[in-house]
Amino acid sequence: MKVKDIIKAVNGRVICGDDLEKDLTTGCSSDLMSDILTLEPVNAVLITGLANIQAVRTADMAGISHILFVRDKQVTKEMIDLALDCGITLLETGDSMFNVCGQLSKEGLCGPY
């Protein structure tokens, strides 16, 4: 699923980054970053409500290129700067994690297992 299609499906917005043509095949969602580190996400978007620097650091360590923040969480300048340095695209939506995961699953995005 292309990133631009993910954005459309969840009524999302781009915070930073411009990698909207990338085809992502996996979605993983959690507010516990230790859970994300136990996965082997490939071509994944991280869906989270944890809006702090650890979400960006975790995505970088896990090789995740896109983070989608749910529930209109406020992203800091420090997070944006780190994401840009790491080549990570940040997205946001006002919807809940539950609804976002359901919608993206319905659209064809698969989970990590």
PDB file of N, CA and C in Angstrom:
ATOM      1  N   MET A   1       0.853  -1.170   0.000  1.00  0.00           N
ATOM      2  CA  MET A   1       0.000   0.000   0.000  1.00  0.00           C
ATOM      3  C   MET A   1       0.901   1.235   0.000  1.00  0.00           C
ATOM      4  N   LYS A   2       0.704   2.095  -0.946  1.00  0.00           N
ATOM      5  CA  LYS A   2       1.524   3.307  -1.007  1.00  0.00           C
ATOM      6  C   LYS A   2       1.192   4.235   0.160  1.00  0.00           C
ATOM      7  N   VAL A   3       2.195   4.964   0.619  1.00  0.00           N
ATOM      8  CA  VAL A   3       2.029   5.871   1.753  1.00  0.00           C
ATOM      9  C   VAL A   3       0.923   6.884   1.474  1.00  0.00           C
ATOM     10  N   LYS A   4       0.864   7.391   0.260  1.00  0.00           N
ATOM     11  CA  LYS A   4      -0.181   8.369  -0.070  1.00  0.00           C
ATOM     12  C   LYS A   4      -1.570   7.759   0.077  1.00  0.00           C
ATOM     13  N   ASP A   5      -1.693   6.446  -0.152  1.00  0.00           N
ATOM     14  CA  ASP A   5      -2.977   5.760   0.022  1.00  0.00           C
ATOM     15  C   ASP A   5      -3.297   5.553   1.498  1.00  0.00           C
ATOM     16  N   ILE A   6      -2.265   5.327   2.300  1.00  0.00           N
ATOM     17  CA  ILE A   6      -2.456   5.225   3.754  1.00  0.00           C
ATOM     18  C   ILE A   6      -2.982   6.550   4.285  1.00  0.00           C
ATOM     19  N   ILE A   7      -2.377   7.642   3.854  1.00  0.00           N
ATOM     20  CA  ILE A   7      -2.790   8.972   4.286  1.00  0.00           C
ATOM     21  C   ILE A   7      -4.255   9.213   3.932  1.00  0.00           C
ATOM     22  N   LYS A   8      -4.623   8.857   2.719  1.00  0.00           N
ATOM     23  CA  LYS A   8      -6.006   9.049   2.273  1.00  0.00           C
ATOM     24  C   LYS A   8      -6.966   8.183   3.083  1.00  0.00           C
ATOM     25  N   ALA A   9      -6.593   6.943   3.344  1.00  0.00           N
ATOM     26  CA  ALA A   9      -7.472   5.998   4.043  1.00  0.00           C
ATOM     27  C   ALA A   9      -7.784   6.419   5.477  1.00  0.00           C
ATOM     28  N   VAL A  10      -6.836   7.127   6.120  1.00  0.00           N
ATOM     29  CA  VAL A  10      -7.027   7.497   7.528  1.00  0.00           C
ATOM     30  C   VAL A  10      -7.216   9.001   7.708  1.00  0.00           C
ATOM     31  N   ASN A  11      -7.455   9.698   6.588  1.00  0.00           N
ATOM     32  CA  ASN A  11      -7.594  11.154   6.640  1.00  0.00           C
ATOM     33  C   ASN A  11      -6.393  11.772   7.359  1.00  0.00           C
ATOM     34  N   GLY A  12      -5.221  11.352   6.917  1.00  0.00           N
ATOM     35  CA  GLY A  12      -3.986  11.766   7.572  1.00  0.00           C
ATOM     36  C   GLY A  12      -3.343  12.993   6.959  1.00  0.00           C
ATOM     37  N   ARG A  13      -2.273  13.413   7.597  1.00  0.00           N
ATOM     38  CA  ARG A  13      -1.499  14.574   7.161  1.00  0.00           C
ATOM     39  C   ARG A  13      -0.011  14.254   7.299  1.00  0.00           C
ATOM     40  N   VAL A  14       0.794  14.861   6.451  1.00  0.00           N
ATOM     41  CA  VAL A  14       2.242  14.696   6.521  1.00  0.00           C
ATOM     42  C   VAL A  14       2.801  15.743   7.472  1.00  0.00           C
ATOM     43  N   ILE A  15       3.593  15.302   8.435  1.00  0.00           N
ATOM     44  CA  ILE A  15       4.288  16.218   9.338  1.00  0.00           C
ATOM     45  C   ILE A  15       5.638  16.592   8.728  1.00  0.00           C
ATOM     46  N   CYS A  16       6.389  15.586   8.319  1.00  0.00           N
ATOM     47  CA  CYS A  16       7.673  15.831   7.655  1.00  0.00           C
ATOM     48  C   CYS A  16       8.036  14.617   6.820  1.00  0.00           C
ATOM     49  N   GLY A  17       8.879  14.851   5.851  1.00  0.00           N
ATOM     50  CA  GLY A  17       9.285  13.792   4.935  1.00  0.00           C
ATOM     51  C   GLY A  17       8.463  13.865   3.661  1.00  0.00           C
ATOM     52  N   ASP A  18       8.971  13.230   2.626  1.00  0.00           N
ATOM     53  CA  ASP A  18       8.277  13.295   1.343  1.00  0.00           C
ATOM     54  C   ASP A  18       8.251  11.946   0.638  1.00  0.00           C
ATOM     55  N   ASP A  19       8.452  10.887   1.392  1.00  0.00           N
ATOM     56  CA  ASP A  19       8.491   9.554   0.811  1.00  0.00           C
ATOM     57  C   ASP A  19       7.073   8.979   0.745  1.00  0.00           C
ATOM     58  N   LEU A  20       6.227   9.569  -0.116  1.00  0.00           N
ATOM     59  CA  LEU A  20       4.818   9.205  -0.175  1.00  0.00           C
ATOM     60  C   LEU A  20       4.504   8.157  -1.235  1.00  0.00           C
ATOM     61  N   GLU A  21       5.470   7.834  -2.075  1.00  0.00           N
ATOM     62  CA  GLU A  21       5.267   6.829  -3.121  1.00  0.00           C
ATOM     63  C   GLU A  21       5.745   5.446  -2.690  1.00  0.00           C
ATOM     64  N   LYS A  22       6.383   5.360  -1.536  1.00  0.00           N
ATOM     65  CA  LYS A  22       6.900   4.073  -1.074  1.00  0.00           C
ATOM     66  C   LYS A  22       5.749   3.101  -0.855  1.00  0.00           C
ATOM     67  N   ASP A  23       5.968   1.855  -1.224  1.00  0.00           N
ATOM     68  CA  ASP A  23       4.968   0.819  -1.040  1.00  0.00           C
ATOM     69  C   ASP A  23       5.248   0.096   0.274  1.00  0.00           C
ATOM     70  N   LEU A  24       4.381   0.289   1.263  1.00  0.00           N
ATOM     71  CA  LEU A  24       4.517  -0.367   2.554  1.00  0.00           C
ATOM     72  C   LEU A  24       3.621  -1.595   2.583  1.00  0.00           C
ATOM     73  N   THR A  25       4.127  -2.683   3.131  1.00  0.00           N
ATOM     74  CA  THR A  25       3.376  -3.930   3.153  1.00  0.00           C
ATOM     75  C   THR A  25       2.916  -4.323   4.553  1.00  0.00           C
ATOM     76  N   THR A  26       3.492  -3.700   5.581  1.00  0.00           N
ATOM     77  CA  THR A  26       3.237  -4.110   6.958  1.00  0.00           C
ATOM     78  C   THR A  26       2.880  -2.908   7.817  1.00  0.00           C
ATOM     79  N   GLY A  27       1.967  -3.136   8.744  1.00  0.00           N
ATOM     80  CA  GLY A  27       1.655  -2.137   9.755  1.00  0.00           C
ATOM     81  C   GLY A  27       1.865  -2.752  11.125  1.00  0.00           C
ATOM     82  N   CYS A  28       2.477  -2.017  12.013  1.00  0.00           N
ATOM     83  CA  CYS A  28       2.617  -2.488  13.390  1.00  0.00           C
ATOM     84  C   CYS A  28       2.192  -1.340  14.302  1.00  0.00           C
ATOM     85  N   SER A  29       1.454  -1.678  15.353  1.00  0.00           N
ATOM     86  CA  SER A  29       0.924  -0.633  16.216  1.00  0.00           C
ATOM     87  C   SER A  29       1.181  -0.957  17.675  1.00  0.00           C
ATOM     88  N   SER A  30       1.629   0.046  18.397  1.00  0.00           N
ATOM     89  CA  SER A  30       1.855  -0.098  19.831  1.00  0.00           C
ATOM     90  C   SER A  30       2.258   1.250  20.403  1.00  0.00           C
ATOM     91  N   ASP A  31       1.986   1.412  21.680  1.00  0.00           N
ATOM     92  CA  ASP A  31       2.527   2.542  22.414  1.00  0.00           C
ATOM     93  C   ASP A  31       3.712   2.089  23.267  1.00  0.00           C
ATOM     94  N   LEU A  32       3.967   0.791  23.292  1.00  0.00           N
ATOM     95  CA  LEU A  32       5.125   0.235  23.997  1.00  0.00           C
ATOM     96  C   LEU A  32       6.224  -0.035  22.980  1.00  0.00           C
ATOM     97  N   MET A  33       7.232   0.790  22.987  1.00  0.00           N
ATOM     98  CA  MET A  33       8.268   0.676  21.975  1.00  0.00           C
ATOM     99  C   MET A  33       9.058  -0.616  22.126  1.00  0.00           C
ATOM    100  N   SER A  34       9.109  -1.188  23.311  1.00  0.00           N
ATOM    101  CA  SER A  34       9.787  -2.477  23.481  1.00  0.00           C
ATOM    102  C   SER A  34       9.082  -3.565  22.687  1.00  0.00           C
ATOM    103  N   ASP A  35       7.753  -3.460  22.525  1.00  0.00           N
ATOM    104  CA  ASP A  35       7.026  -4.426  21.694  1.00  0.00           C
ATOM    105  C   ASP A  35       7.447  -4.323  20.238  1.00  0.00           C
ATOM    106  N   ILE A  36       7.669  -3.126  19.760  1.00  0.00           N
ATOM    107  CA  ILE A  36       8.075  -2.932  18.363  1.00  0.00           C
ATOM    108  C   ILE A  36       9.441  -3.550  18.119  1.00  0.00           C
ATOM    109  N   LEU A  37      10.325  -3.458  19.107  1.00  0.00           N
ATOM    110  CA  LEU A  37      11.676  -3.994  18.941  1.00  0.00           C
ATOM    111  C   LEU A  37      11.706  -5.516  18.908  1.00  0.00           C
ATOM    112  N   THR A  38      10.626  -6.179  19.315  1.00  0.00           N
ATOM    113  CA  THR A  38      10.580  -7.640  19.248  1.00  0.00           C
ATOM    114  C   THR A  38      10.123  -8.137  17.886  1.00  0.00           C
ATOM    115  N   LEU A  39       9.628  -7.240  17.042  1.00  0.00           N
ATOM    116  CA  LEU A  39       9.141  -7.602  15.712  1.00  0.00           C
ATOM    117  C   LEU A  39      10.268  -7.529  14.694  1.00  0.00           C
ATOM    118  N   GLU A  40      10.007  -8.068  13.542  1.00  0.00           N
ATOM    119  CA  GLU A  40      10.911  -7.906  12.407  1.00  0.00           C
ATOM    120  C   GLU A  40      10.140  -7.214  11.294  1.00  0.00           C
ATOM    121  N   PRO A  41       9.820  -5.930  11.508  1.00  0.00           N
ATOM    122  CA  PRO A  41       9.000  -5.234  10.520  1.00  0.00           C
ATOM    123  C   PRO A  41       9.762  -4.994   9.221  1.00  0.00           C
ATOM    124  N   VAL A  42       9.086  -5.311   8.134  1.00  0.00           N
ATOM    125  CA  VAL A  42       9.668  -5.099   6.803  1.00  0.00           C
ATOM    126  C   VAL A  42       8.706  -4.203   6.034  1.00  0.00           C
ATOM    127  N   ASN A  43       9.238  -3.127   5.466  1.00  0.00           N
ATOM    128  CA  ASN A  43       8.389  -2.168   4.746  1.00  0.00           C
ATOM    129  C   ASN A  43       7.197  -1.772   5.595  1.00  0.00           C
ATOM    130  N   ALA A  44       7.462  -1.347   6.820  1.00  0.00           N
ATOM    131  CA  ALA A  44       6.392  -1.130   7.798  1.00  0.00           C
ATOM    132  C   ALA A  44       6.155   0.336   8.104  1.00  0.00           C
ATOM    133  N   VAL A  45       4.921   0.584   8.531  1.00  0.00           N
ATOM    134  CA  VAL A  45       4.560   1.852   9.146  1.00  0.00           C
ATOM    135  C   VAL A  45       4.290   1.552  10.612  1.00  0.00           C
ATOM    136  N   LEU A  46       4.846   2.363  11.489  1.00  0.00           N
ATOM    137  CA  LEU A  46       4.581   2.262  12.918  1.00  0.00           C
ATOM    138  C   LEU A  46       3.402   3.161  13.234  1.00  0.00           C
ATOM    139  N   ILE A  47       2.365   2.586  13.809  1.00  0.00           N
ATOM    140  CA  ILE A  47       1.166   3.323  14.192  1.00  0.00           C
ATOM    141  C   ILE A  47       1.188   3.441  15.705  1.00  0.00           C
ATOM    142  N   THR A  48       1.232   4.672  16.225  1.00  0.00           N
ATOM    143  CA  THR A  48       1.398   4.847  17.665  1.00  0.00           C
ATOM    144  C   THR A  48       0.771   6.147  18.152  1.00  0.00           C
ATOM    145  N   GLY A  49       0.474   6.164  19.415  1.00  0.00           N
ATOM    146  CA  GLY A  49       0.029   7.376  20.085  1.00  0.00           C
ATOM    147  C   GLY A  49       1.108   7.934  20.979  1.00  0.00           C
ATOM    148  N   LEU A  50       2.278   7.299  20.971  1.00  0.00           N
ATOM    149  CA  LEU A  50       3.389   7.743  21.797  1.00  0.00           C
ATOM    150  C   LEU A  50       4.164   8.826  21.057  1.00  0.00           C
ATOM    151  N   ALA A  51       3.885  10.051  21.405  1.00  0.00           N
ATOM    152  CA  ALA A  51       4.505  11.177  20.704  1.00  0.00           C
ATOM    153  C   ALA A  51       5.678  11.706  21.523  1.00  0.00           C
ATOM    154  N   ASN A  52       6.762  10.943  21.486  1.00  0.00           N
ATOM    155  CA  ASN A  52       8.001  11.430  22.083  1.00  0.00           C
ATOM    156  C   ASN A  52       9.183  10.916  21.259  1.00  0.00           C
ATOM    157  N   ILE A  53      10.343  11.361  21.622  1.00  0.00           N
ATOM    158  CA  ILE A  53      11.545  11.070  20.842  1.00  0.00           C
ATOM    159  C   ILE A  53      11.822   9.571  20.748  1.00  0.00           C
ATOM    160  N   GLN A  54      11.356   8.801  21.748  1.00  0.00           N
ATOM    161  CA  GLN A  54      11.610   7.358  21.744  1.00  0.00           C
ATOM    162  C   GLN A  54      10.923   6.653  20.584  1.00  0.00           C
ATOM    163  N   ALA A  55       9.789   7.150  20.154  1.00  0.00           N
ATOM    164  CA  ALA A  55       9.110   6.544  19.009  1.00  0.00           C
ATOM    165  C   ALA A  55       9.980   6.656  17.757  1.00  0.00           C
ATOM    166  N   VAL A  56      10.605   7.800  17.568  1.00  0.00           N
ATOM    167  CA  VAL A  56      11.471   7.996  16.395  1.00  0.00           C
ATOM    168  C   VAL A  56      12.732   7.153  16.526  1.00  0.00           C
ATOM    169  N   ARG A  57      13.315   7.122  17.703  1.00  0.00           N
ATOM    170  CA  ARG A  57      14.522   6.303  17.916  1.00  0.00           C
ATOM    171  C   ARG A  57      14.226   4.822  17.688  1.00  0.00           C
ATOM    172  N   THR A  58      13.082   4.365  18.180  1.00  0.00           N
ATOM    173  CA  THR A  58      12.698   2.964  18.009  1.00  0.00           C
ATOM    174  C   THR A  58      12.501   2.633  16.538  1.00  0.00           C
ATOM    175  N   ALA A  59      11.801   3.493  15.819  1.00  0.00           N
ATOM    176  CA  ALA A  59      11.598   3.270  14.392  1.00  0.00           C
ATOM    177  C   ALA A  59      12.941   3.183  13.673  1.00  0.00           C
ATOM    178  N   ASP A  60      13.850   4.052  14.018  1.00  0.00           N
ATOM    179  CA  ASP A  60      15.167   4.039  13.394  1.00  0.00           C
ATOM    180  C   ASP A  60      15.885   2.718  13.682  1.00  0.00           C
ATOM    181  N   MET A  61      15.876   2.279  14.927  1.00  0.00           N
ATOM    182  CA  MET A  61      16.540   1.020  15.288  1.00  0.00           C
ATOM    183  C   MET A  61      15.896  -0.181  14.598  1.00  0.00           C
ATOM    184  N   ALA A  62      14.580  -0.133  14.415  1.00  0.00           N
ATOM    185  CA  ALA A  62      13.852  -1.256  13.821  1.00  0.00           C
ATOM    186  C   ALA A  62      13.828  -1.209  12.300  1.00  0.00           C
ATOM    187  N   GLY A  63      14.358  -0.155  11.717  1.00  0.00           N
ATOM    188  CA  GLY A  63      14.354  -0.035  10.261  1.00  0.00           C
ATOM    189  C   GLY A  63      12.996   0.354   9.693  1.00  0.00           C
ATOM    190  N   ILE A  64      12.197   1.052  10.486  1.00  0.00           N
ATOM    191  CA  ILE A  64      10.873   1.491  10.060  1.00  0.00           C
ATOM    192  C   ILE A  64      10.993   2.889   9.460  1.00  0.00           C
ATOM    193  N   SER A  65      10.455   3.055   8.266  1.00  0.00           N
ATOM    194  CA  SER A  65      10.649   4.304   7.533  1.00  0.00           C
ATOM    195  C   SER A  65       9.538   5.326   7.722  1.00  0.00           C
ATOM    196  N   HIS A  66       8.398   4.911   8.311  1.00  0.00           N
ATOM    197  CA  HIS A  66       7.247   5.801   8.441  1.00  0.00           C
ATOM    198  C   HIS A  66       6.587   5.605   9.803  1.00  0.00           C
ATOM    199  N   ILE A  67       6.220   6.698  10.438  1.00  0.00           N
ATOM    200  CA  ILE A  67       5.474   6.649  11.695  1.00  0.00           C
ATOM    201  C   ILE A  67       4.183   7.426  11.495  1.00  0.00           C
ATOM    202  N   LEU A  68       3.081   6.809  11.911  1.00  0.00           N
ATOM    203  CA  LEU A  68       1.768   7.447  11.863  1.00  0.00           C
ATOM    204  C   LEU A  68       1.295   7.653  13.295  1.00  0.00           C
ATOM    205  N   PHE A  69       1.232   8.913  13.720  1.00  0.00           N
ATOM    206  CA  PHE A  69       0.767   9.245  15.065  1.00  0.00           C
ATOM    207  C   PHE A  69      -0.748   9.401  15.044  1.00  0.00           C
ATOM    208  N   VAL A  70      -1.408   8.756  15.999  1.00  0.00           N
ATOM    209  CA  VAL A  70      -2.868   8.780  16.073  1.00  0.00           C
ATOM    210  C   VAL A  70      -3.328   9.749  17.156  1.00  0.00           C
ATOM    211  N   ARG A  71      -4.621   9.994  17.190  1.00  0.00           N
ATOM    212  CA  ARG A  71      -5.276  10.823  18.207  1.00  0.00           C
ATOM    213  C   ARG A  71      -4.721  12.255  18.258  1.00  0.00           C
ATOM    214  N   ASP A  72      -4.323  12.778  17.110  1.00  0.00           N
ATOM    215  CA  ASP A  72      -3.811  14.159  17.024  1.00  0.00           C
ATOM    216  C   ASP A  72      -2.721  14.475  18.037  1.00  0.00           C
ATOM    217  N   LYS A  73      -1.851  13.526  18.255  1.00  0.00           N
ATOM    218  CA  LYS A  73      -0.739  13.746  19.184  1.00  0.00           C
ATOM    219  C   LYS A  73       0.189  14.830  18.641  1.00  0.00           C
ATOM    220  N   GLN A  74       0.707  15.651  19.513  1.00  0.00           N
ATOM    221  CA  GLN A  74       1.579  16.752  19.116  1.00  0.00           C
ATOM    222  C   GLN A  74       3.029  16.283  19.008  1.00  0.00           C
ATOM    223  N   VAL A  75       3.598  16.478  17.854  1.00  0.00           N
ATOM    224  CA  VAL A  75       4.977  16.097  17.579  1.00  0.00           C
ATOM    225  C   VAL A  75       5.871  17.299  17.834  1.00  0.00           C
ATOM    226  N   THR A  76       7.008  17.068  18.493  1.00  0.00           N
ATOM    227  CA  THR A  76       7.916  18.162  18.842  1.00  0.00           C
ATOM    228  C   THR A  76       8.904  18.433  17.709  1.00  0.00           C
ATOM    229  N   LYS A  77       9.515  19.588  17.767  1.00  0.00           N
ATOM    230  CA  LYS A  77      10.554  19.945  16.797  1.00  0.00           C
ATOM    231  C   LYS A  77      11.721  18.966  16.900  1.00  0.00           C
ATOM    232  N   GLU A  78      12.055  18.549  18.101  1.00  0.00           N
ATOM    233  CA  GLU A  78      13.137  17.586  18.300  1.00  0.00           C
ATOM    234  C   GLU A  78      12.830  16.265  17.572  1.00  0.00           C
ATOM    235  N   MET A  79      11.585  15.838  17.626  1.00  0.00           N
ATOM    236  CA  MET A  79      11.186  14.613  16.925  1.00  0.00           C
ATOM    237  C   MET A  79      11.296  14.791  15.419  1.00  0.00           C
ATOM    238  N   ILE A  80      10.846  15.919  14.931  1.00  0.00           N
ATOM    239  CA  ILE A  80      10.912  16.200  13.490  1.00  0.00           C
ATOM    240  C   ILE A  80      12.364  16.244  13.026  1.00  0.00           C
ATOM    241  N   ASP A  81      13.209  16.929  13.776  1.00  0.00           N
ATOM    242  CA  ASP A  81      14.627  17.020  13.410  1.00  0.00           C
ATOM    243  C   ASP A  81      15.277  15.642  13.344  1.00  0.00           C
ATOM    244  N   LEU A  82      15.008  14.802  14.361  1.00  0.00           N
ATOM    245  CA  LEU A  82      15.583  13.460  14.375  1.00  0.00           C
ATOM    246  C   LEU A  82      15.034  12.621  13.224  1.00  0.00           C
ATOM    247  N   ALA A  83      13.736  12.719  12.971  1.00  0.00           N
ATOM    248  CA  ALA A  83      13.136  11.963  11.871  1.00  0.00           C
ATOM    249  C   ALA A  83      13.773  12.352  10.542  1.00  0.00           C
ATOM    250  N   LEU A  84      13.962  13.632  10.320  1.00  0.00           N
ATOM    251  CA  LEU A  84      14.589  14.089   9.078  1.00  0.00           C
ATOM    252  C   LEU A  84      16.023  13.568   8.975  1.00  0.00           C
ATOM    253  N   ASP A  85      16.754  13.602  10.091  1.00  0.00           N
ATOM    254  CA  ASP A  85      18.123  13.082  10.104  1.00  0.00           C
ATOM    255  C   ASP A  85      18.168  11.589   9.790  1.00  0.00           C
ATOM    256  N   CYS A  86      17.143  10.853  10.230  1.00  0.00           N
ATOM    257  CA  CYS A  86      17.097   9.400  10.053  1.00  0.00           C
ATOM    258  C   CYS A  86      16.387   8.977   8.769  1.00  0.00           C
ATOM    259  N   GLY A  87      15.824   9.929   8.048  1.00  0.00           N
ATOM    260  CA  GLY A  87      15.097   9.603   6.830  1.00  0.00           C
ATOM    261  C   GLY A  87      13.744   8.966   7.089  1.00  0.00           C
ATOM    262  N   ILE A  88      13.129   9.329   8.201  1.00  0.00           N
ATOM    263  CA  ILE A  88      11.832   8.785   8.577  1.00  0.00           C
ATOM    264  C   ILE A  88      10.753   9.825   8.276  1.00  0.00           C
ATOM    265  N   THR A  89       9.690   9.388   7.629  1.00  0.00           N
ATOM    266  CA  THR A  89       8.554  10.249   7.330  1.00  0.00           C
ATOM    267  C   THR A  89       7.564  10.165   8.477  1.00  0.00           C
ATOM    268  N   LEU A  90       7.113  11.319   8.978  1.00  0.00           N
ATOM    269  CA  LEU A  90       6.139  11.373  10.065  1.00  0.00           C
ATOM    270  C   LEU A  90       4.785  11.789   9.519  1.00  0.00           C
ATOM    271  N   LEU A  91       3.759  11.059   9.943  1.00  0.00           N
ATOM    272  CA  LEU A  91       2.379  11.305   9.540  1.00  0.00           C
ATOM    273  C   LEU A  91       1.524  11.434  10.785  1.00  0.00           C
ATOM    274  N   GLU A  92       0.340  12.024  10.639  1.00  0.00           N
ATOM    275  CA  GLU A  92      -0.570  12.146  11.777  1.00  0.00           C
ATOM    276  C   GLU A  92      -2.012  12.017  11.317  1.00  0.00           C
ATOM    277  N   THR A  93      -2.867  11.616  12.262  1.00  0.00           N
ATOM    278  CA  THR A  93      -4.302  11.558  12.040  1.00  0.00           C
ATOM    279  C   THR A  93      -4.996  11.803  13.374  1.00  0.00           C
ATOM    280  N   GLY A  94      -6.217  12.252  13.312  1.00  0.00           N
ATOM    281  CA  GLY A  94      -6.989  12.483  14.524  1.00  0.00           C
ATOM    282  C   GLY A  94      -7.719  11.249  15.004  1.00  0.00           C
ATOM    283  N   ASP A  95      -7.712  10.207  14.197  1.00  0.00           N
ATOM    284  CA  ASP A  95      -8.469   9.007  14.535  1.00  0.00           C
ATOM    285  C   ASP A  95      -7.744   8.166  15.587  1.00  0.00           C
ATOM    286  N   SER A  96      -8.477   7.224  16.179  1.00  0.00           N
ATOM    287  CA  SER A  96      -7.911   6.344  17.206  1.00  0.00           C
ATOM    288  C   SER A  96      -7.044   5.257  16.573  1.00  0.00           C
ATOM    289  N   MET A  97      -6.176   4.668  17.368  1.00  0.00           N
ATOM    290  CA  MET A  97      -5.331   3.589  16.877  1.00  0.00           C
ATOM    291  C   MET A  97      -6.193   2.410  16.419  1.00  0.00           C
ATOM    292  N   PHE A  98      -7.238   2.100  17.175  1.00  0.00           N
ATOM    293  CA  PHE A  98      -8.127   0.997  16.828  1.00  0.00           C
ATOM    294  C   PHE A  98      -8.731   1.199  15.440  1.00  0.00           C
ATOM    295  N   ASN A  99      -9.300   2.367  15.206  1.00  0.00           N
ATOM    296  CA  ASN A  99      -9.922   2.643  13.910  1.00  0.00           C
ATOM    297  C   ASN A  99      -8.910   2.666  12.775  1.00  0.00           C
ATOM    298  N   VAL A 100      -7.747   3.244  13.021  1.00  0.00           N
ATOM    299  CA  VAL A 100      -6.700   3.314  11.994  1.00  0.00           C
ATOM    300  C   VAL A 100      -6.249   1.909  11.596  1.00  0.00           C
ATOM    301  N   CYS A 101      -6.005   1.067  12.585  1.00  0.00           N
ATOM    302  CA  CYS A 101      -5.563  -0.298  12.280  1.00  0.00           C
ATOM    303  C   CYS A 101      -6.635  -1.063  11.520  1.00  0.00           C
ATOM    304  N   GLY A 102      -7.878  -0.909  11.937  1.00  0.00           N
ATOM    305  CA  GLY A 102      -8.972  -1.573  11.236  1.00  0.00           C
ATOM    306  C   GLY A 102      -9.097  -1.106   9.799  1.00  0.00           C
ATOM    307  N   GLN A 103      -9.023   0.191   9.592  1.00  0.00           N
ATOM    308  CA  GLN A 103      -9.151   0.744   8.240  1.00  0.00           C
ATOM    309  C   GLN A 103      -8.007   0.287   7.348  1.00  0.00           C
ATOM    310  N   LEU A 104      -6.782   0.326   7.863  1.00  0.00           N
ATOM    311  CA  LEU A 104      -5.638  -0.066   7.041  1.00  0.00           C
ATOM    312  C   LEU A 104      -5.650  -1.566   6.757  1.00  0.00           C
ATOM    313  N   SER A 105      -6.116  -2.366   7.700  1.00  0.00           N
ATOM    314  CA  SER A 105      -6.270  -3.791   7.465  1.00  0.00           C
ATOM    315  C   SER A 105      -7.290  -4.047   6.367  1.00  0.00           C
ATOM    316  N   LYS A 106      -8.404  -3.337   6.447  1.00  0.00           N
ATOM    317  CA  LYS A 106      -9.449  -3.464   5.420  1.00  0.00           C
ATOM    318  C   LYS A 106      -8.933  -3.075   4.035  1.00  0.00           C
ATOM    319  N   GLU A 107      -8.014  -2.118   4.004  1.00  0.00           N
ATOM    320  CA  GLU A 107      -7.442  -1.647   2.738  1.00  0.00           C
ATOM    321  C   GLU A 107      -6.338  -2.574   2.213  1.00  0.00           C
ATOM    322  N   GLY A 108      -5.932  -3.568   3.024  1.00  0.00           N
ATOM    323  CA  GLY A 108      -4.954  -4.537   2.550  1.00  0.00           C
ATOM    324  C   GLY A 108      -3.601  -4.532   3.223  1.00  0.00           C
ATOM    325  N   LEU A 109      -3.377  -3.628   4.173  1.00  0.00           N
ATOM    326  CA  LEU A 109      -2.110  -3.617   4.885  1.00  0.00           C
ATOM    327  C   LEU A 109      -2.092  -4.786   5.866  1.00  0.00           C
ATOM    328  N   CYS A 110      -1.019  -5.539   5.900  1.00  0.00           N
ATOM    329  CA  CYS A 110      -0.920  -6.729   6.744  1.00  0.00           C
ATOM    330  C   CYS A 110      -0.183  -6.419   8.040  1.00  0.00           C
ATOM    331  N   GLY A 111      -0.424  -7.248   9.040  1.00  0.00           N
ATOM    332  CA  GLY A 111       0.310  -7.172  10.297  1.00  0.00           C
ATOM    333  C   GLY A 111       1.658  -7.858  10.158  1.00  0.00           C
ATOM    334  N   PRO A 112       2.491  -7.749  11.192  1.00  0.00           N
ATOM    335  CA  PRO A 112       3.858  -8.288  11.106  1.00  0.00           C
ATOM    336  C   PRO A 112       3.941  -9.806  11.209  1.00  0.00           C
ATOM    337  N   TYR A 113       2.855 -10.482  11.540  1.00  0.00           N
ATOM    338  CA  TYR A 113       2.936 -11.949  11.696  1.00  0.00           C
ATOM    339  C   TYR A 113       2.215 -12.660  10.590  1.00  0.00           C
TER     340      TYR A 113
END
